[in-house]
Amino acid sequence: MDVIVVVPSLQRLHMSHGNIQTPGTYVIDVPSLKYLDISDSARCNFRQIENMPELVSARVRFGADSTHEFLKALTSVRRLTLTQPLTEVVNPCGIIFYQLVHLDLRTFAVGWWDLLTCMLQYSPNLRFLKLIDVAIYFSGMDIPTGWKPPSSVPECLLHSLEAFEWFEYKGRQGDREMATYVLKNATRLKTATFSTRSTDMGEKCQMLKELESVATASPSAQILFD
């Protein structure tokens, strides 16, 4: 299916295409857009999204054939929700999210941990970070043991991040490594909230004990466990 959306005055756009068996092409050129909600599992032959300088909020989910290129159109966004199994996670020259203050990242896509690393590095003013595992038919992808953090501490951790939330935290080794990295480096952090589905009180207590044992960079940071 081919889709072309070229509407200079359009401010809201919702698109959903869930049939992975019907590849096609689409072009989106909406320079006045403020709110974007797009879900596309199709294996597109060509996908072009032009820059949206007025974008305030975006929810984006693409299929497993996606690359980082679409991110170029979202550099002006202030609030971003991503579900993105990228085939390649790199940061081309020029992709810096100066306006991004709130990032929600779904954790059930392969390679989401690399995408998070990239987003932390290139979102210097990020204030709110939320990791979400809400998959119905499968749980969040395990972070590889020995997860490699950014080569240098991201600017957002040093200067702006205030709230960190992990919804459906499972306390696996890779999870602990990533949570510890944020807690140890976020100097302005006010709250870190972790929630879990586990009904095992012993398991919950162990998770909480591990998190509370981390020496946080922010002396005023509160670690909350739901």
Protein backbone atom coordinates (compact mmCIF):
# COMPACT_ATOMS: atom_id res chain seq x y z
CA MET A 1 0.00 0.00 0.00
CA ASP A 2 1.36 3.40 -0.98
CA VAL A 3 0.59 6.42 1.19
CA ILE A 4 1.40 10.06 0.46
CA VAL A 5 0.56 12.76 3.00
CA VAL A 6 1.51 16.26 1.87
CA VAL A 7 -0.55 18.79 3.83
CA PRO A 8 1.32 21.97 4.86
CA SER A 9 -1.31 23.05 7.42
CA LEU A 10 -1.94 19.67 9.09
CA GLN A 11 -1.35 19.68 12.86
CA ARG A 12 -2.42 16.17 13.92
CA LEU A 13 -1.74 12.88 12.17
CA HIS A 14 -2.62 9.32 13.17
CA MET A 15 -1.56 6.44 10.92
CA SER A 16 -1.80 2.68 11.51
CA HIS A 17 -0.75 -0.08 9.13
CA GLY A 18 -0.45 -3.53 10.69
CA ASN A 19 -0.41 -5.86 7.68
CA ILE A 20 3.23 -6.97 7.32
CA GLN A 21 2.36 -8.85 4.10
CA THR A 22 1.54 -5.69 2.13
CA PRO A 23 4.77 -3.76 1.60
CA GLY A 24 4.60 -0.40 -0.07
CA THR A 25 5.98 3.11 0.09
CA TYR A 26 4.93 6.24 1.87
CA VAL A 27 5.88 9.87 2.07
CA ILE A 28 4.95 12.25 4.89
CA ASP A 29 5.51 15.97 4.40
CA VAL A 30 3.64 17.96 7.06
CA PRO A 31 5.79 20.90 8.23
CA SER A 32 3.16 22.31 10.64
CA LEU A 33 2.50 19.02 12.42
CA LYS A 34 2.37 19.16 16.23
CA TYR A 35 1.09 15.70 17.18
CA LEU A 36 2.10 12.45 15.46
CA ASP A 37 0.91 8.90 16.19
CA ILE A 38 2.18 6.33 13.71
CA SER A 39 2.23 2.53 13.88
CA ASP A 40 3.50 0.62 10.86
CA SER A 41 4.54 -3.04 10.88
CA ALA A 42 4.68 -3.32 7.09
CA ARG A 43 8.00 -3.96 5.36
CA CYS A 44 8.10 -0.77 3.34
CA ASN A 45 10.08 -0.52 0.15
CA PHE A 46 10.53 3.21 0.72
CA ARG A 47 9.76 5.38 3.73
CA GLN A 48 10.30 9.15 3.64
CA ILE A 49 9.40 11.49 6.49
CA GLU A 50 10.27 15.14 6.09
CA ASN A 51 11.34 17.35 9.00
CA MET A 52 8.57 18.52 11.33
CA PRO A 53 9.93 21.64 13.08
CA GLU A 54 6.72 22.31 15.08
CA LEU A 55 6.41 18.79 16.50
CA VAL A 56 5.44 18.66 20.19
CA SER A 57 4.57 15.00 20.79
CA ALA A 58 5.13 11.79 18.82
CA ARG A 59 4.32 8.10 19.28
CA VAL A 60 6.22 5.97 16.78
CA ARG A 61 6.30 2.25 16.11
CA PHE A 62 7.87 0.77 12.99
CA GLY A 63 8.60 -2.78 11.84
CA ALA A 64 11.85 -4.70 12.09
CA ASP A 65 13.18 -3.42 8.76
CA SER A 66 13.52 0.16 10.01
CA THR A 67 16.75 2.10 10.24
CA HIS A 68 17.61 5.21 12.19
CA GLU A 69 16.87 7.50 9.24
CA PHE A 70 13.32 8.34 10.31
CA LEU A 71 14.67 9.91 13.53
CA LYS A 72 15.94 12.87 11.53
CA ALA A 73 12.36 14.11 11.13
CA LEU A 74 11.74 14.10 14.89
CA THR A 75 14.58 16.27 16.17
CA SER A 76 12.22 19.08 17.26
CA VAL A 77 9.93 16.86 19.35
CA ARG A 78 9.48 17.54 23.08
CA ARG A 79 7.79 14.27 24.11
CA LEU A 80 8.57 11.00 22.33
CA THR A 81 7.31 7.43 22.72
CA LEU A 82 9.35 4.87 20.78
CA THR A 83 8.84 1.21 20.00
CA GLN A 84 11.59 0.58 17.55
CA PRO A 85 13.41 -2.64 16.58
CA LEU A 86 16.13 -0.92 14.58
CA THR A 87 18.24 -2.91 12.16
CA GLU A 88 21.04 -0.45 12.86
CA VAL A 89 21.52 1.96 15.74
CA VAL A 90 23.95 4.74 14.97
CA ASN A 91 23.80 8.51 15.19
CA PRO A 92 24.29 10.21 11.85
CA CYS A 93 25.75 13.70 11.94
CA GLY A 94 23.09 16.25 12.84
CA ILE A 95 20.63 14.11 14.82
CA ILE A 96 20.52 15.83 18.21
CA PHE A 97 17.27 16.13 20.14
CA TYR A 98 17.76 19.53 21.77
CA GLN A 99 14.04 19.97 22.56
CA LEU A 100 13.34 16.47 23.90
CA VAL A 101 12.44 16.52 27.59
CA HIS A 102 10.32 13.37 27.96
CA LEU A 103 11.19 9.95 26.49
CA ASP A 104 9.11 6.77 26.83
CA LEU A 105 10.86 3.71 25.42
CA ARG A 106 9.18 0.32 25.02
CA THR A 107 11.56 -2.47 25.99
CA PHE A 108 10.24 -5.45 24.02
CA ALA A 109 11.99 -4.67 20.72
CA VAL A 110 15.31 -6.31 19.90
CA GLY A 111 18.18 -3.90 20.49
CA TRP A 112 16.18 -1.42 22.56
CA TRP A 113 19.14 -1.03 24.93
CA ASP A 114 21.31 0.28 22.09
CA LEU A 115 18.58 2.69 21.08
CA LEU A 116 18.39 3.94 24.67
CA THR A 117 22.16 4.48 24.75
CA CYS A 118 21.89 6.51 21.54
CA MET A 119 18.96 8.58 22.79
CA LEU A 120 20.68 9.39 26.09
CA GLN A 121 23.79 10.54 24.27
CA TYR A 122 21.94 12.85 21.90
CA SER A 123 19.15 14.27 24.09
CA PRO A 124 21.09 16.82 26.17
CA ASN A 125 18.03 18.33 27.89
CA LEU A 126 16.09 15.17 28.74
CA ARG A 127 14.29 15.48 32.09
CA PHE A 128 11.99 12.45 32.22
CA LEU A 129 12.88 8.90 31.16
CA LYS A 130 10.45 5.99 31.28
CA LEU A 131 11.16 2.39 30.26
CA ILE A 132 8.02 0.35 29.62
CA ASP A 133 7.46 -3.38 29.17
CA VAL A 134 3.77 -3.85 28.42
CA ALA A 135 3.91 -6.64 25.83
CA ILE A 136 0.90 -8.95 26.03
CA TYR A 137 2.25 -12.06 24.34
CA PHE A 138 5.94 -11.85 25.23
CA SER A 139 8.08 -10.19 27.89
CA GLY A 140 10.71 -7.53 27.45
CA MET A 141 13.93 -8.47 25.70
CA ASP A 142 16.79 -9.25 28.07
CA ILE A 143 19.57 -6.70 28.16
CA PRO A 144 22.78 -8.53 27.31
CA THR A 145 25.03 -9.17 30.29
CA GLY A 146 27.87 -6.70 30.13
CA TRP A 147 25.73 -4.01 28.52
CA LYS A 148 28.03 -1.29 27.24
CA PRO A 149 27.11 2.17 28.52
CA PRO A 150 27.92 5.33 26.54
CA SER A 151 31.63 6.06 26.14
CA SER A 152 31.15 9.22 28.20
CA VAL A 153 28.40 10.18 30.62
CA PRO A 154 25.55 11.80 28.64
CA GLU A 155 24.85 15.49 29.20
CA CYS A 156 21.28 14.76 30.25
CA LEU A 157 22.46 12.61 33.16
CA LEU A 158 24.94 15.22 34.29
CA HIS A 159 22.67 18.25 34.03
CA SER A 160 18.94 17.66 33.48
CA LEU A 161 17.40 14.22 34.21
CA GLU A 162 14.97 14.55 37.14
CA ALA A 163 12.79 11.46 36.96
CA PHE A 164 13.53 7.87 35.94
CA GLU A 165 10.79 5.24 35.82
CA TRP A 166 10.99 1.57 34.89
CA PHE A 167 7.58 -0.03 34.42
CA GLU A 168 7.65 -3.85 34.77
CA TYR A 169 11.24 -3.95 36.04
CA LYS A 170 12.41 -7.58 36.30
CA GLY A 171 15.73 -7.23 38.08
CA ARG A 172 17.74 -9.33 35.63
CA GLN A 173 21.49 -8.79 35.56
CA GLY A 174 21.39 -6.55 32.50
CA ASP A 175 18.48 -4.61 34.02
CA ARG A 176 20.46 -4.04 37.20
CA GLU A 177 23.51 -2.85 35.27
CA MET A 178 21.47 -0.30 33.33
CA ALA A 179 19.51 0.93 36.37
CA THR A 180 22.74 1.24 38.35
CA TYR A 181 24.36 3.28 35.58
CA VAL A 182 21.53 5.81 35.59
CA LEU A 183 21.43 6.05 39.39
CA LYS A 184 25.19 6.48 39.68
CA ASN A 185 25.43 9.20 37.04
CA ALA A 186 22.22 11.26 37.16
CA THR A 187 23.33 14.18 39.33
CA ARG A 188 19.97 16.03 39.26
CA LEU A 189 17.75 12.98 39.79
CA LYS A 190 14.82 13.49 42.15
CA THR A 191 12.94 10.20 41.84
CA ALA A 192 13.62 6.74 40.45
CA THR A 193 10.50 4.58 40.40
CA PHE A 194 10.49 0.85 39.70
CA SER A 195 7.41 -1.36 39.40
CA THR A 196 7.09 -5.10 38.89
CA ARG A 197 4.38 -7.69 38.29
CA SER A 198 6.06 -10.20 40.57
CA THR A 199 3.91 -11.36 43.50
CA ASP A 200 6.87 -13.01 45.23
CA MET A 201 7.59 -10.78 48.23
CA GLY A 202 11.05 -12.27 48.68
CA GLU A 203 11.92 -11.46 45.08
CA LYS A 204 10.55 -7.92 45.43
CA CYS A 205 12.53 -7.32 48.61
CA GLN A 206 15.71 -8.53 46.92
CA MET A 207 15.17 -6.18 43.96
CA LEU A 208 14.57 -3.24 46.31
CA LYS A 209 17.63 -4.09 48.40
CA GLU A 210 19.82 -4.19 45.29
CA LEU A 211 18.56 -0.81 44.08
CA GLU A 212 18.83 0.86 47.48
CA SER A 213 22.44 -0.29 47.80
CA VAL A 214 23.47 1.85 44.81
CA ALA A 215 25.33 5.04 45.70
CA THR A 216 23.33 7.63 43.77
CA ALA A 217 25.00 10.67 42.22
CA SER A 218 22.17 12.87 43.46
CA PRO A 219 22.05 13.17 47.27
CA SER A 220 18.33 14.01 47.13
CA ALA A 221 17.31 11.11 44.86
CA GLN A 222 14.46 8.94 46.15
CA ILE A 223 14.26 5.31 45.05
CA LEU A 224 10.65 4.13 45.01
CA PHE A 225 9.49 0.55 44.46
CA ASP A 226 5.92 -0.37 43.62
